[in-house]
PDB file of N, CA and C in Angstrom:
ATOM      1  N   MET A   1     138.109 106.279 116.415  1.00  0.00           N
ATOM      2  CA  MET A   1     138.252 107.702 116.651  1.00  0.00           C
ATOM      3  C   MET A   1     137.081 108.130 117.479  1.00  0.00           C
ATOM      4  N   LEU A   2     137.383 108.641 118.724  1.00  0.00           N
ATOM      5  CA  LEU A   2     136.373 109.135 119.640  1.00  0.00           C
ATOM      6  C   LEU A   2     136.242 110.575 119.491  1.00  0.00           C
ATOM      7  N   ARG A   3     134.993 111.036 119.286  1.00  0.00           N
ATOM      8  CA  ARG A   3     134.663 112.403 119.153  1.00  0.00           C
ATOM      9  C   ARG A   3     133.847 112.825 120.371  1.00  0.00           C
ATOM     10  N   GLU A   4     134.321 113.842 121.114  1.00  0.00           N
ATOM     11  CA  GLU A   4     133.636 114.289 122.344  1.00  0.00           C
ATOM     12  C   GLU A   4     133.317 115.764 122.273  1.00  0.00           C
ATOM     13  N   VAL A   5     132.032 116.117 122.619  1.00  0.00           N
ATOM     14  CA  VAL A   5     131.561 117.492 122.656  1.00  0.00           C
ATOM     15  C   VAL A   5     132.088 118.116 123.965  1.00  0.00           C
ATOM     16  N   VAL A   6     132.620 119.319 123.854  1.00  0.00           N
ATOM     17  CA  VAL A   6     133.109 120.068 125.007  1.00  0.00           C
ATOM     18  C   VAL A   6     132.184 121.296 125.175  1.00  0.00           C
ATOM     19  N   SER A   7     131.689 121.504 126.353  1.00  0.00           N
ATOM     20  CA  SER A   7     130.829 122.624 126.654  1.00  0.00           C
ATOM     21  C   SER A   7     131.017 123.116 128.064  1.00  0.00           C
ATOM     22  N   THR A   8     130.937 124.429 128.266  1.00  0.00           N
ATOM     23  CA  THR A   8     131.048 124.994 129.569  1.00  0.00           C
ATOM     24  C   THR A   8     130.123 126.231 129.684  1.00  0.00           C
ATOM     25  N   ASN A   9     129.600 126.446 130.836  1.00  0.00           N
ATOM     26  CA  ASN A   9     128.814 127.720 131.068  1.00  0.00           C
ATOM     27  C   ASN A   9     129.686 128.879 131.408  1.00  0.00           C
ATOM     28  N   LYS A  10     130.996 128.682 131.455  1.00  0.00           N
ATOM     29  CA  LYS A  10     131.924 129.749 131.690  1.00  0.00           C
ATOM     30  C   LYS A  10     132.342 130.474 130.409  1.00  0.00           C
ATOM     31  N   ALA A  11     131.831 130.078 129.326  1.00  0.00           N
ATOM     32  CA  ALA A  11     131.981 130.725 128.013  1.00  0.00           C
ATOM     33  C   ALA A  11     130.588 130.874 127.361  1.00  0.00           C
ATOM     34  N   PRO A  12     130.423 131.752 126.462  1.00  0.00           N
ATOM     35  CA  PRO A  12     129.135 131.991 125.837  1.00  0.00           C
ATOM     36  C   PRO A  12     128.657 130.721 125.139  1.00  0.00           C
ATOM     37  N   GLU A  13     127.335 130.522 125.172  1.00  0.00           N
ATOM     38  CA  GLU A  13     126.702 129.425 124.346  1.00  0.00           C
ATOM     39  C   GLU A  13     126.950 129.749 122.905  1.00  0.00           C
ATOM     40  N   ALA A  14     126.959 128.651 122.132  1.00  0.00           N
ATOM     41  CA  ALA A  14     127.111 128.814 120.663  1.00  0.00           C
ATOM     42  C   ALA A  14     125.904 129.606 120.139  1.00  0.00           C
ATOM     43  N   ILE A  15     126.109 130.454 119.137  1.00  0.00           N
ATOM     44  CA  ILE A  15     125.013 131.266 118.612  1.00  0.00           C
ATOM     45  C   ILE A  15     124.508 130.717 117.291  1.00  0.00           C
ATOM     46  N   GLY A  16     124.856 129.467 117.030  1.00  0.00           N
ATOM     47  CA  GLY A  16     124.435 128.773 115.807  1.00  0.00           C
ATOM     48  C   GLY A  16     124.510 127.261 116.069  1.00  0.00           C
ATOM     49  N   PRO A  17     124.321 126.491 115.001  1.00  0.00           N
ATOM     50  CA  PRO A  17     124.297 125.067 115.073  1.00  0.00           C
ATOM     51  C   PRO A  17     125.712 124.470 115.173  1.00  0.00           C
ATOM     52  N   TYR A  18     126.460 124.678 116.260  1.00  0.00           N
ATOM     53  CA  TYR A  18     127.811 124.168 116.429  1.00  0.00           C
ATOM     54  C   TYR A  18     128.109 124.083 117.916  1.00  0.00           C
ATOM     55  N   GLU A  19     129.141 123.372 118.243  1.00  0.00           N
ATOM     56  CA  GLU A  19     129.531 123.189 119.641  1.00  0.00           C
ATOM     57  C   GLU A  19     130.666 124.229 120.023  1.00  0.00           C
ATOM     58  N   GLN A  20     130.843 124.481 121.316  1.00  0.00           N
ATOM     59  CA  GLN A  20     131.994 125.307 121.719  1.00  0.00           C
ATOM     60  C   GLN A  20     133.292 124.703 121.361  1.00  0.00           C
ATOM     61  N   ALA A  21     133.388 123.391 121.430  1.00  0.00           N
ATOM     62  CA  ALA A  21     134.616 122.695 120.984  1.00  0.00           C
ATOM     63  C   ALA A  21     134.397 121.229 120.789  1.00  0.00           C
ATOM     64  N   ILE A  22     135.293 120.621 120.067  1.00  0.00           N
ATOM     65  CA  ILE A  22     135.245 119.153 119.827  1.00  0.00           C
ATOM     66  C   ILE A  22     136.627 118.616 120.216  1.00  0.00           C
ATOM     67  N   LYS A  23     136.607 117.591 121.013  1.00  0.00           N
ATOM     68  CA  LYS A  23     137.885 116.845 121.369  1.00  0.00           C
ATOM     69  C   LYS A  23     137.923 115.596 120.617  1.00  0.00           C
ATOM     70  N   CYS A  24     139.084 115.318 119.996  1.00  0.00           N
ATOM     71  CA  CYS A  24     139.269 114.116 119.155  1.00  0.00           C
ATOM     72  C   CYS A  24     140.709 113.772 119.034  1.00  0.00           C
ATOM     73  N   ASN A  25     140.979 112.526 119.339  1.00  0.00           N
ATOM     74  CA  ASN A  25     142.391 111.999 119.247  1.00  0.00           C
ATOM     75  C   ASN A  25     143.439 112.838 119.869  1.00  0.00           C
ATOM     76  N   GLY A  26     143.208 113.318 121.061  1.00  0.00           N
ATOM     77  CA  GLY A  26     144.176 114.095 121.829  1.00  0.00           C
ATOM     78  C   GLY A  26     144.318 115.542 121.393  1.00  0.00           C
ATOM     79  N   LEU A  27     143.408 115.982 120.486  1.00  0.00           N
ATOM     80  CA  LEU A  27     143.342 117.364 120.103  1.00  0.00           C
ATOM     81  C   LEU A  27     142.026 118.012 120.506  1.00  0.00           C
ATOM     82  N   LEU A  28     142.049 119.317 120.747  1.00  0.00           N
ATOM     83  CA  LEU A  28     140.858 120.057 121.080  1.00  0.00           C
ATOM     84  C   LEU A  28     140.684 121.159 120.030  1.00  0.00           C
ATOM     85  N   PHE A  29     139.605 121.226 119.292  1.00  0.00           N
ATOM     86  CA  PHE A  29     139.317 122.178 118.297  1.00  0.00           C
ATOM     87  C   PHE A  29     138.221 123.125 118.803  1.00  0.00           C
ATOM     88  N   THR A  30     138.582 124.378 119.095  1.00  0.00           N
ATOM     89  CA  THR A  30     137.525 125.307 119.578  1.00  0.00           C
ATOM     90  C   THR A  30     136.832 125.962 118.394  1.00  0.00           C
ATOM     91  N   SER A  31     135.566 126.267 118.552  1.00  0.00           N
ATOM     92  CA  SER A  31     134.903 127.139 117.639  1.00  0.00           C
ATOM     93  C   SER A  31     135.327 128.531 117.826  1.00  0.00           C
ATOM     94  N   GLY A  32     135.168 129.326 116.848  1.00  0.00           N
ATOM     95  CA  GLY A  32     135.570 130.764 116.976  1.00  0.00           C
ATOM     96  C   GLY A  32     134.803 131.413 118.136  1.00  0.00           C
ATOM     97  N   GLN A  33     135.513 132.243 118.884  1.00  0.00           N
ATOM     98  CA  GLN A  33     134.933 133.001 119.976  1.00  0.00           C
ATOM     99  C   GLN A  33     135.010 134.472 119.618  1.00  0.00           C
ATOM    100  N   ILE A  34     133.940 135.157 119.858  1.00  0.00           N
ATOM    101  CA  ILE A  34     133.879 136.626 119.826  1.00  0.00           C
ATOM    102  C   ILE A  34     133.769 137.124 121.213  1.00  0.00           C
ATOM    103  N   ALA A  35     133.756 138.408 121.436  1.00  0.00           N
ATOM    104  CA  ALA A  35     133.771 138.989 122.773  1.00  0.00           C
ATOM    105  C   ALA A  35     132.401 139.082 123.386  1.00  0.00           C
ATOM    106  N   LEU A  36     131.784 137.925 123.480  1.00  0.00           N
ATOM    107  CA  LEU A  36     130.457 137.842 124.190  1.00  0.00           C
ATOM    108  C   LEU A  36     130.699 137.656 125.703  1.00  0.00           C
ATOM    109  N   ASP A  37     129.885 138.362 126.508  1.00  0.00           N
ATOM    110  CA  ASP A  37     129.914 138.128 127.923  1.00  0.00           C
ATOM    111  C   ASP A  37     129.174 136.822 128.215  1.00  0.00           C
ATOM    112  N   PRO A  38     129.764 135.831 128.839  1.00  0.00           N
ATOM    113  CA  PRO A  38     129.077 134.537 129.066  1.00  0.00           C
ATOM    114  C   PRO A  38     127.844 134.663 129.922  1.00  0.00           C
ATOM    115  N   ALA A  39     127.754 135.634 130.797  1.00  0.00           N
ATOM    116  CA  ALA A  39     126.562 135.769 131.605  1.00  0.00           C
ATOM    117  C   ALA A  39     125.347 136.361 130.890  1.00  0.00           C
ATOM    118  N   THR A  40     125.631 137.289 129.968  1.00  0.00           N
ATOM    119  CA  THR A  40     124.500 137.989 129.273  1.00  0.00           C
ATOM    120  C   THR A  40     124.384 137.536 127.792  1.00  0.00           C
ATOM    121  N   GLY A  41     125.438 137.023 127.202  1.00  0.00           N
ATOM    122  CA  GLY A  41     125.364 136.685 125.788  1.00  0.00           C
ATOM    123  C   GLY A  41     125.424 137.916 124.882  1.00  0.00           C
ATOM    124  N   THR A  42     125.811 139.051 125.387  1.00  0.00           N
ATOM    125  CA  THR A  42     125.933 140.212 124.618  1.00  0.00           C
ATOM    126  C   THR A  42     127.379 140.598 124.363  1.00  0.00           C
ATOM    127  N   LEU A  43     127.628 141.290 123.263  1.00  0.00           N
ATOM    128  CA  LEU A  43     128.918 141.802 122.925  1.00  0.00           C
ATOM    129  C   LEU A  43     129.387 142.846 123.945  1.00  0.00           C
ATOM    130  N   ILE A  44     130.623 142.664 124.448  1.00  0.00           N
ATOM    131  CA  ILE A  44     131.087 143.675 125.435  1.00  0.00           C
ATOM    132  C   ILE A  44     131.346 144.999 124.748  1.00  0.00           C
ATOM    133  N   ASP A  45     131.342 146.049 125.536  1.00  0.00           N
ATOM    134  CA  ASP A  45     131.764 147.376 125.005  1.00  0.00           C
ATOM    135  C   ASP A  45     133.291 147.390 125.005  1.00  0.00           C
ATOM    136  N   GLY A  46     133.855 148.191 124.090  1.00  0.00           N
ATOM    137  CA  GLY A  46     135.263 148.376 124.086  1.00  0.00           C
ATOM    138  C   GLY A  46     135.914 148.203 122.781  1.00  0.00           C
ATOM    139  N   ASP A  47     137.159 148.569 122.749  1.00  0.00           N
ATOM    140  CA  ASP A  47     137.942 148.526 121.477  1.00  0.00           C
ATOM    141  C   ASP A  47     138.468 147.096 121.222  1.00  0.00           C
ATOM    142  N   VAL A  48     139.287 146.920 120.255  1.00  0.00           N
ATOM    143  CA  VAL A  48     139.747 145.607 119.889  1.00  0.00           C
ATOM    144  C   VAL A  48     140.666 144.992 121.007  1.00  0.00           C
ATOM    145  N   SER A  49     141.284 145.808 121.832  1.00  0.00           N
ATOM    146  CA  SER A  49     142.004 145.293 122.948  1.00  0.00           C
ATOM    147  C   SER A  49     141.155 144.661 124.006  1.00  0.00           C
ATOM    148  N   ALA A  50     140.042 145.368 124.341  1.00  0.00           N
ATOM    149  CA  ALA A  50     139.098 144.840 125.313  1.00  0.00           C
ATOM    150  C   ALA A  50     138.422 143.645 124.749  1.00  0.00           C
ATOM    151  N   GLN A  51     138.102 143.635 123.542  1.00  0.00           N
ATOM    152  CA  GLN A  51     137.412 142.497 122.884  1.00  0.00           C
ATOM    153  C   GLN A  51     138.386 141.288 122.847  1.00  0.00           C
ATOM    154  N   THR A  52     139.628 141.545 122.590  1.00  0.00           N
ATOM    155  CA  THR A  52     140.595 140.438 122.535  1.00  0.00           C
ATOM    156  C   THR A  52     140.749 139.811 123.938  1.00  0.00           C
ATOM    157  N   ARG A  53     140.671 140.603 124.984  1.00  0.00           N
ATOM    158  CA  ARG A  53     140.787 140.048 126.325  1.00  0.00           C
ATOM    159  C   ARG A  53     139.568 139.156 126.664  1.00  0.00           C
ATOM    160  N   GLN A  54     138.405 139.601 126.222  1.00  0.00           N
ATOM    161  CA  GLN A  54     137.164 138.797 126.531  1.00  0.00           C
ATOM    162  C   GLN A  54     137.280 137.501 125.731  1.00  0.00           C
ATOM    163  N   VAL A  55     137.702 137.583 124.448  1.00  0.00           N
ATOM    164  CA  VAL A  55     137.853 136.384 123.626  1.00  0.00           C
ATOM    165  C   VAL A  55     138.799 135.408 124.325  1.00  0.00           C
ATOM    166  N   ARG A  56     139.913 135.976 124.871  1.00  0.00           N
ATOM    167  CA  ARG A  56     140.949 135.137 125.592  1.00  0.00           C
ATOM    168  C   ARG A  56     140.244 134.419 126.767  1.00  0.00           C
ATOM    169  N   ASP A  57     139.443 135.129 127.551  1.00  0.00           N
ATOM    170  CA  ASP A  57     138.768 134.575 128.697  1.00  0.00           C
ATOM    171  C   ASP A  57     137.880 133.439 128.279  1.00  0.00           C
ATOM    172  N   ASN A  58     137.061 133.727 127.173  1.00  0.00           N
ATOM    173  CA  ASN A  58     136.106 132.693 126.700  1.00  0.00           C
ATOM    174  C   ASN A  58     136.900 131.469 126.230  1.00  0.00           C
ATOM    175  N   LEU A  59     137.974 131.656 125.463  1.00  0.00           N
ATOM    176  CA  LEU A  59     138.754 130.543 124.966  1.00  0.00           C
ATOM    177  C   LEU A  59     139.398 129.742 126.096  1.00  0.00           C
ATOM    178  N   LYS A  60     139.917 130.437 127.083  1.00  0.00           N
ATOM    179  CA  LYS A  60     140.537 129.826 128.212  1.00  0.00           C
ATOM    180  C   LYS A  60     139.568 128.875 128.940  1.00  0.00           C
ATOM    181  N   ALA A  61     138.323 129.364 129.088  1.00  0.00           N
ATOM    182  CA  ALA A  61     137.256 128.566 129.755  1.00  0.00           C
ATOM    183  C   ALA A  61     136.922 127.291 128.937  1.00  0.00           C
ATOM    184  N   VAL A  62     136.876 127.396 127.573  1.00  0.00           N
ATOM    185  CA  VAL A  62     136.608 126.327 126.743  1.00  0.00           C
ATOM    186  C   VAL A  62     137.773 125.276 126.810  1.00  0.00           C
ATOM    187  N   LEU A  63     138.945 125.785 126.649  1.00  0.00           N
ATOM    188  CA  LEU A  63     140.164 124.942 126.732  1.00  0.00           C
ATOM    189  C   LEU A  63     140.186 124.151 128.039  1.00  0.00           C
ATOM    190  N   GLU A  64     139.995 124.812 129.174  1.00  0.00           N
ATOM    191  CA  GLU A  64     140.030 124.150 130.442  1.00  0.00           C
ATOM    192  C   GLU A  64     138.930 123.065 130.586  1.00  0.00           C
ATOM    193  N   ALA A  65     137.693 123.401 130.022  1.00  0.00           N
ATOM    194  CA  ALA A  65     136.597 122.393 130.059  1.00  0.00           C
ATOM    195  C   ALA A  65     136.982 121.142 129.174  1.00  0.00           C
ATOM    196  N   GLY A  66     137.816 121.338 128.240  1.00  0.00           N
ATOM    197  CA  GLY A  66     138.257 120.252 127.382  1.00  0.00           C
ATOM    198  C   GLY A  66     139.518 119.513 127.819  1.00  0.00           C
ATOM    199  N   GLY A  67     140.072 119.893 128.962  1.00  0.00           N
ATOM    200  CA  GLY A  67     141.257 119.282 129.488  1.00  0.00           C
ATOM    201  C   GLY A  67     142.519 119.825 128.864  1.00  0.00           C
ATOM    202  N   SER A  68     142.536 121.094 128.528  1.00  0.00           N
ATOM    203  CA  SER A  68     143.708 121.710 127.948  1.00  0.00           C
ATOM    204  C   SER A  68     143.934 123.075 128.586  1.00  0.00           C
ATOM    205  N   SER A  69     144.788 123.852 127.982  1.00  0.00           N
ATOM    206  CA  SER A  69     145.084 125.197 128.506  1.00  0.00           C
ATOM    207  C   SER A  69     145.697 126.013 127.397  1.00  0.00           C
ATOM    208  N   LEU A  70     145.834 127.291 127.666  1.00  0.00           N
ATOM    209  CA  LEU A  70     146.451 128.217 126.722  1.00  0.00           C
ATOM    210  C   LEU A  70     147.928 127.815 126.431  1.00  0.00           C
ATOM    211  N   ASP A  71     148.561 127.140 127.410  1.00  0.00           N
ATOM    212  CA  ASP A  71     149.958 126.695 127.233  1.00  0.00           C
ATOM    213  C   ASP A  71     150.051 125.537 126.216  1.00  0.00           C
ATOM    214  N   HIS A  72     148.910 124.845 125.859  1.00  0.00           N
ATOM    215  CA  HIS A  72     148.917 123.705 124.998  1.00  0.00           C
ATOM    216  C   HIS A  72     148.389 124.012 123.606  1.00  0.00           C
ATOM    217  N   VAL A  73     148.173 125.316 123.301  1.00  0.00           N
ATOM    218  CA  VAL A  73     147.651 125.648 121.956  1.00  0.00           C
ATOM    219  C   VAL A  73     148.769 125.456 120.955  1.00  0.00           C
ATOM    220  N   ILE A  74     148.385 124.808 119.827  1.00  0.00           N
ATOM    221  CA  ILE A  74     149.367 124.626 118.724  1.00  0.00           C
ATOM    222  C   ILE A  74     149.038 125.348 117.481  1.00  0.00           C
ATOM    223  N   LYS A  75     147.797 125.913 117.317  1.00  0.00           N
ATOM    224  CA  LYS A  75     147.418 126.638 116.168  1.00  0.00           C
ATOM    225  C   LYS A  75     146.316 127.629 116.568  1.00  0.00           C
ATOM    226  N   ALA A  76     146.439 128.841 116.067  1.00  0.00           N
ATOM    227  CA  ALA A  76     145.429 129.870 116.289  1.00  0.00           C
ATOM    228  C   ALA A  76     145.103 130.505 114.977  1.00  0.00           C
ATOM    229  N   THR A  77     143.815 130.862 114.774  1.00  0.00           N
ATOM    230  CA  THR A  77     143.396 131.649 113.664  1.00  0.00           C
ATOM    231  C   THR A  77     142.630 132.867 114.192  1.00  0.00           C
ATOM    232  N   VAL A  78     143.131 134.077 113.743  1.00  0.00           N
ATOM    233  CA  VAL A  78     142.521 135.289 114.212  1.00  0.00           C
ATOM    234  C   VAL A  78     141.866 135.979 113.036  1.00  0.00           C
ATOM    235  N   TYR A  79     140.600 136.423 113.256  1.00  0.00           N
ATOM    236  CA  TYR A  79     139.871 137.176 112.246  1.00  0.00           C
ATOM    237  C   TYR A  79     139.650 138.557 112.725  1.00  0.00           C
ATOM    238  N   LEU A  80     140.056 139.563 111.933  1.00  0.00           N
ATOM    239  CA  LEU A  80     139.853 140.958 112.304  1.00  0.00           C
ATOM    240  C   LEU A  80     139.088 141.680 111.234  1.00  0.00           C
ATOM    241  N   THR A  81     138.155 142.548 111.653  1.00  0.00           N
ATOM    242  CA  THR A  81     137.396 143.325 110.694  1.00  0.00           C
ATOM    243  C   THR A  81     138.183 144.498 110.207  1.00  0.00           C
ATOM    244  N   ASP A  82     139.275 144.869 110.894  1.00  0.00           N
ATOM    245  CA  ASP A  82     140.055 145.997 110.504  1.00  0.00           C
ATOM    246  C   ASP A  82     141.502 145.655 110.764  1.00  0.00           C
ATOM    247  N   LEU A  83     142.283 145.425 109.717  1.00  0.00           N
ATOM    248  CA  LEU A  83     143.685 145.000 109.917  1.00  0.00           C
ATOM    249  C   LEU A  83     144.536 146.138 110.462  1.00  0.00           C
ATOM    250  N   ASP A  84     144.027 147.347 110.470  1.00  0.00           N
ATOM    251  CA  ASP A  84     144.730 148.421 111.222  1.00  0.00           C
ATOM    252  C   ASP A  84     144.749 148.144 112.740  1.00  0.00           C
ATOM    253  N   ASN A  85     143.942 147.266 113.224  1.00  0.00           N
ATOM    254  CA  ASN A  85     143.991 146.839 114.636  1.00  0.00           C
ATOM    255  C   ASN A  85     144.975 145.713 114.918  1.00  0.00           C
ATOM    256  N   PHE A  86     145.728 145.280 113.954  1.00  0.00           N
ATOM    257  CA  PHE A  86     146.636 144.123 114.145  1.00  0.00           C
ATOM    258  C   PHE A  86     147.611 144.386 115.260  1.00  0.00           C
ATOM    259  N   ALA A  87     148.237 145.514 115.418  1.00  0.00           N
ATOM    260  CA  ALA A  87     149.182 145.813 116.495  1.00  0.00           C
ATOM    261  C   ALA A  87     148.511 145.751 117.882  1.00  0.00           C
ATOM    262  N   LYS A  88     147.323 146.366 118.023  1.00  0.00           N
ATOM    263  CA  LYS A  88     146.654 146.312 119.273  1.00  0.00           C
ATOM    264  C   LYS A  88     146.281 144.877 119.701  1.00  0.00           C
ATOM    265  N   MET A  89     145.750 144.128 118.720  1.00  0.00           N
ATOM    266  CA  MET A  89     145.371 142.759 118.922  1.00  0.00           C
ATOM    267  C   MET A  89     146.662 141.983 119.380  1.00  0.00           C
ATOM    268  N   ASN A  90     147.722 142.194 118.643  1.00  0.00           N
ATOM    269  CA  ASN A  90     148.955 141.424 118.925  1.00  0.00           C
ATOM    270  C   ASN A  90     149.541 141.729 120.308  1.00  0.00           C
ATOM    271  N   GLU A  91     149.343 142.940 120.816  1.00  0.00           N
ATOM    272  CA  GLU A  91     149.843 143.211 122.189  1.00  0.00           C
ATOM    273  C   GLU A  91     149.088 142.352 123.221  1.00  0.00           C
ATOM    274  N   VAL A  92     147.774 142.278 123.068  1.00  0.00           N
ATOM    275  CA  VAL A  92     147.023 141.492 124.041  1.00  0.00           C
ATOM    276  C   VAL A  92     147.221 139.964 123.792  1.00  0.00           C
ATOM    277  N   TYR A  93     147.293 139.579 122.537  1.00  0.00           N
ATOM    278  CA  TYR A  93     147.558 138.200 122.212  1.00  0.00           C
ATOM    279  C   TYR A  93     148.837 137.698 122.826  1.00  0.00           C
ATOM    280  N   ALA A  94     149.889 138.510 122.764  1.00  0.00           N
ATOM    281  CA  ALA A  94     151.187 138.136 123.337  1.00  0.00           C
ATOM    282  C   ALA A  94     151.130 138.012 124.790  1.00  0.00           C
ATOM    283  N   GLU A  95     150.208 138.644 125.480  1.00  0.00           N
ATOM    284  CA  GLU A  95     150.088 138.484 126.919  1.00  0.00           C
ATOM    285  C   GLU A  95     149.661 137.068 127.322  1.00  0.00           C
ATOM    286  N   TYR A  96     148.927 136.413 126.499  1.00  0.00           N
ATOM    287  CA  TYR A  96     148.393 135.104 126.867  1.00  0.00           C
ATOM    288  C   TYR A  96     148.890 133.942 125.974  1.00  0.00           C
ATOM    289  N   LEU A  97     149.412 134.254 124.755  1.00  0.00           N
ATOM    290  CA  LEU A  97     149.868 133.182 123.943  1.00  0.00           C
ATOM    291  C   LEU A  97     151.279 133.399 123.393  1.00  0.00           C
ATOM    292  N   GLY A  98     151.908 134.540 123.842  1.00  0.00           N
ATOM    293  CA  GLY A  98     153.247 134.885 123.379  1.00  0.00           C
ATOM    294  C   GLY A  98     154.329 133.903 123.832  1.00  0.00           C
ATOM    295  N   HIS A  99     154.158 133.362 125.075  1.00  0.00           N
ATOM    296  CA  HIS A  99     155.166 132.427 125.474  1.00  0.00           C
ATOM    297  C   HIS A  99     154.993 131.017 124.872  1.00  0.00           C
ATOM    298  N   ALA A 100     153.795 130.673 124.466  1.00  0.00           N
ATOM    299  CA  ALA A 100     153.553 129.329 123.843  1.00  0.00           C
ATOM    300  C   ALA A 100     153.832 129.409 122.372  1.00  0.00           C
ATOM    301  N   LYS A 101     153.752 130.556 121.723  1.00  0.00           N
ATOM    302  CA  LYS A 101     154.046 130.798 120.310  1.00  0.00           C
ATOM    303  C   LYS A 101     153.507 129.681 119.398  1.00  0.00           C
ATOM    304  N   PRO A 102     152.188 129.511 119.402  1.00  0.00           N
ATOM    305  CA  PRO A 102     151.626 128.526 118.434  1.00  0.00           C
ATOM    306  C   PRO A 102     151.715 129.093 117.043  1.00  0.00           C
ATOM    307  N   ALA A 103     151.489 128.216 116.052  1.00  0.00           N
ATOM    308  CA  ALA A 103     151.357 128.569 114.666  1.00  0.00           C
ATOM    309  C   ALA A 103     150.159 129.472 114.620  1.00  0.00           C
ATOM    310  N   ARG A 104     150.113 130.555 113.752  1.00  0.00           N
ATOM    311  CA  ARG A 104     148.980 131.418 113.675  1.00  0.00           C
ATOM    312  C   ARG A 104     148.746 131.926 112.269  1.00  0.00           C
ATOM    313  N   SER A 105     147.540 132.192 111.969  1.00  0.00           N
ATOM    314  CA  SER A 105     147.099 132.887 110.800  1.00  0.00           C
ATOM    315  C   SER A 105     146.234 134.058 111.257  1.00  0.00           C
ATOM    316  N   THR A 106     146.373 135.224 110.559  1.00  0.00           N
ATOM    317  CA  THR A 106     145.523 136.355 110.827  1.00  0.00           C
ATOM    318  C   THR A 106     144.810 136.728 109.530  1.00  0.00           C
ATOM    319  N   VAL A 107     143.554 136.830 109.491  1.00  0.00           N
ATOM    320  CA  VAL A 107     142.786 137.070 108.319  1.00  0.00           C
ATOM    321  C   VAL A 107     141.910 138.333 108.463  1.00  0.00           C
ATOM    322  N   GLY A 108     141.922 139.191 107.478  1.00  0.00           N
ATOM    323  CA  GLY A 108     141.055 140.330 107.475  1.00  0.00           C
ATOM    324  C   GLY A 108     139.717 139.918 106.851  1.00  0.00           C
ATOM    325  N   VAL A 109     138.610 140.242 107.527  1.00  0.00           N
ATOM    326  CA  VAL A 109     137.252 139.883 107.116  1.00  0.00           C
ATOM    327  C   VAL A 109     136.391 141.074 107.049  1.00  0.00           C
ATOM    328  N   ALA A 110     135.358 140.998 106.241  1.00  0.00           N
ATOM    329  CA  ALA A 110     134.421 142.124 106.025  1.00  0.00           C
ATOM    330  C   ALA A 110     133.546 142.402 107.355  1.00  0.00           C
ATOM    331  N   SER A 111     133.136 141.349 107.971  1.00  0.00           N
ATOM    332  CA  SER A 111     132.312 141.510 109.145  1.00  0.00           C
ATOM    333  C   SER A 111     132.331 140.227 110.003  1.00  0.00           C
ATOM    334  N   LEU A 112     131.928 140.326 111.217  1.00  0.00           N
ATOM    335  CA  LEU A 112     131.855 139.159 112.115  1.00  0.00           C
ATOM    336  C   LEU A 112     130.477 139.213 112.842  1.00  0.00           C
ATOM    337  N   PRO A 113     130.042 138.053 113.386  1.00  0.00           N
ATOM    338  CA  PRO A 113     128.785 138.036 114.076  1.00  0.00           C
ATOM    339  C   PRO A 113     128.627 139.074 115.152  1.00  0.00           C
ATOM    340  N   ARG A 114     127.435 139.651 115.296  1.00  0.00           N
ATOM    341  CA  ARG A 114     127.090 140.612 116.363  1.00  0.00           C
ATOM    342  C   ARG A 114     127.923 141.873 116.324  1.00  0.00           C
ATOM    343  N   GLY A 115     128.545 142.165 115.215  1.00  0.00           N
ATOM    344  CA  GLY A 115     129.336 143.388 115.121  1.00  0.00           C
ATOM    345  C   GLY A 115     130.688 143.369 115.826  1.00  0.00           C
ATOM    346  N   ALA A 116     131.189 142.142 116.138  1.00  0.00           N
ATOM    347  CA  ALA A 116     132.481 141.987 116.788  1.00  0.00           C
ATOM    348  C   ALA A 116     133.611 142.428 115.923  1.00  0.00           C
ATOM    349  N   SER A 117     134.692 142.913 116.576  1.00  0.00           N
ATOM    350  CA  SER A 117     135.885 143.325 115.818  1.00  0.00           C
ATOM    351  C   SER A 117     136.870 142.196 115.582  1.00  0.00           C
ATOM    352  N   ILE A 118     136.767 141.183 116.474  1.00  0.00           N
ATOM    353  CA  ILE A 118     137.736 140.066 116.417  1.00  0.00           C
ATOM    354  C   ILE A 118     137.068 138.738 116.755  1.00  0.00           C
ATOM    355  N   GLU A 119     137.578 137.678 116.166  1.00  0.00           N
ATOM    356  CA  GLU A 119     137.180 136.307 116.462  1.00  0.00           C
ATOM    357  C   GLU A 119     138.447 135.486 116.422  1.00  0.00           C
ATOM    358  N   ILE A 120     138.568 134.506 117.316  1.00  0.00           N
ATOM    359  CA  ILE A 120     139.708 133.664 117.365  1.00  0.00           C
ATOM    360  C   ILE A 120     139.246 132.172 117.563  1.00  0.00           C
ATOM    361  N   ASP A 121     139.811 131.282 116.842  1.00  0.00           N
ATOM    362  CA  ASP A 121     139.644 129.876 117.134  1.00  0.00           C
ATOM    363  C   ASP A 121     140.947 129.217 117.315  1.00  0.00           C
ATOM    364  N   LEU A 122     141.032 128.100 118.088  1.00  0.00           N
ATOM    365  CA  LEU A 122     142.257 127.509 118.492  1.00  0.00           C
ATOM    366  C   LEU A 122     142.218 125.975 118.343  1.00  0.00           C
ATOM    367  N   VAL A 123     143.366 125.407 118.117  1.00  0.00           N
ATOM    368  CA  VAL A 123     143.609 123.998 118.226  1.00  0.00           C
ATOM    369  C   VAL A 123     144.687 123.774 119.302  1.00  0.00           C
ATOM    370  N   ALA A 124     144.329 122.819 120.221  1.00  0.00           N
ATOM    371  CA  ALA A 124     145.253 122.594 121.337  1.00  0.00           C
ATOM    372  C   ALA A 124     145.388 121.093 121.572  1.00  0.00           C
ATOM    373  N   ILE A 125     146.524 120.768 122.286  1.00  0.00           N
ATOM    374  CA  ILE A 125     146.697 119.401 122.686  1.00  0.00           C
ATOM    375  C   ILE A 125     146.024 119.201 124.060  1.00  0.00           C
ATOM    376  N   THR A 126     145.360 118.049 124.248  1.00  0.00           N
ATOM    377  CA  THR A 126     144.731 117.850 125.521  1.00  0.00           C
ATOM    378  C   THR A 126     145.749 117.166 126.496  1.00  0.00           C
ATOM    379  N   ARG A 127     145.533 117.335 127.712  1.00  0.00           N
ATOM    380  CA  ARG A 127     146.475 116.740 128.703  1.00  0.00           C
ATOM    381  C   ARG A 127     146.139 115.270 128.917  1.00  0.00           C
TER     382      ARG A 127
END
């Protein structure tokens, strides 16, 4: 079993003792991404829709660095601090993962790092 660390400067650096993603046996496991700007490392301004778009951009960069893409996602986990934002998140989510339709869980949480409204982690098949 080969375990490979995946890292890219096109997504924010990890804010803890973990990697952006791990590639193993043809699968890519991303760490959760929040709406951090990769250039500054700060949380972007905006509502859950804007934050979801930034999370998408961060995850897309990590997937591509690991030899995968949004089209190859098989499982997503979404964490929301306010489940009243479910519909807004879902609109943006459908823009980039609606056609792939991976399995998904959505979990309401009390809080997320840096005051984020949303965090998403993915599992994808590598090419």
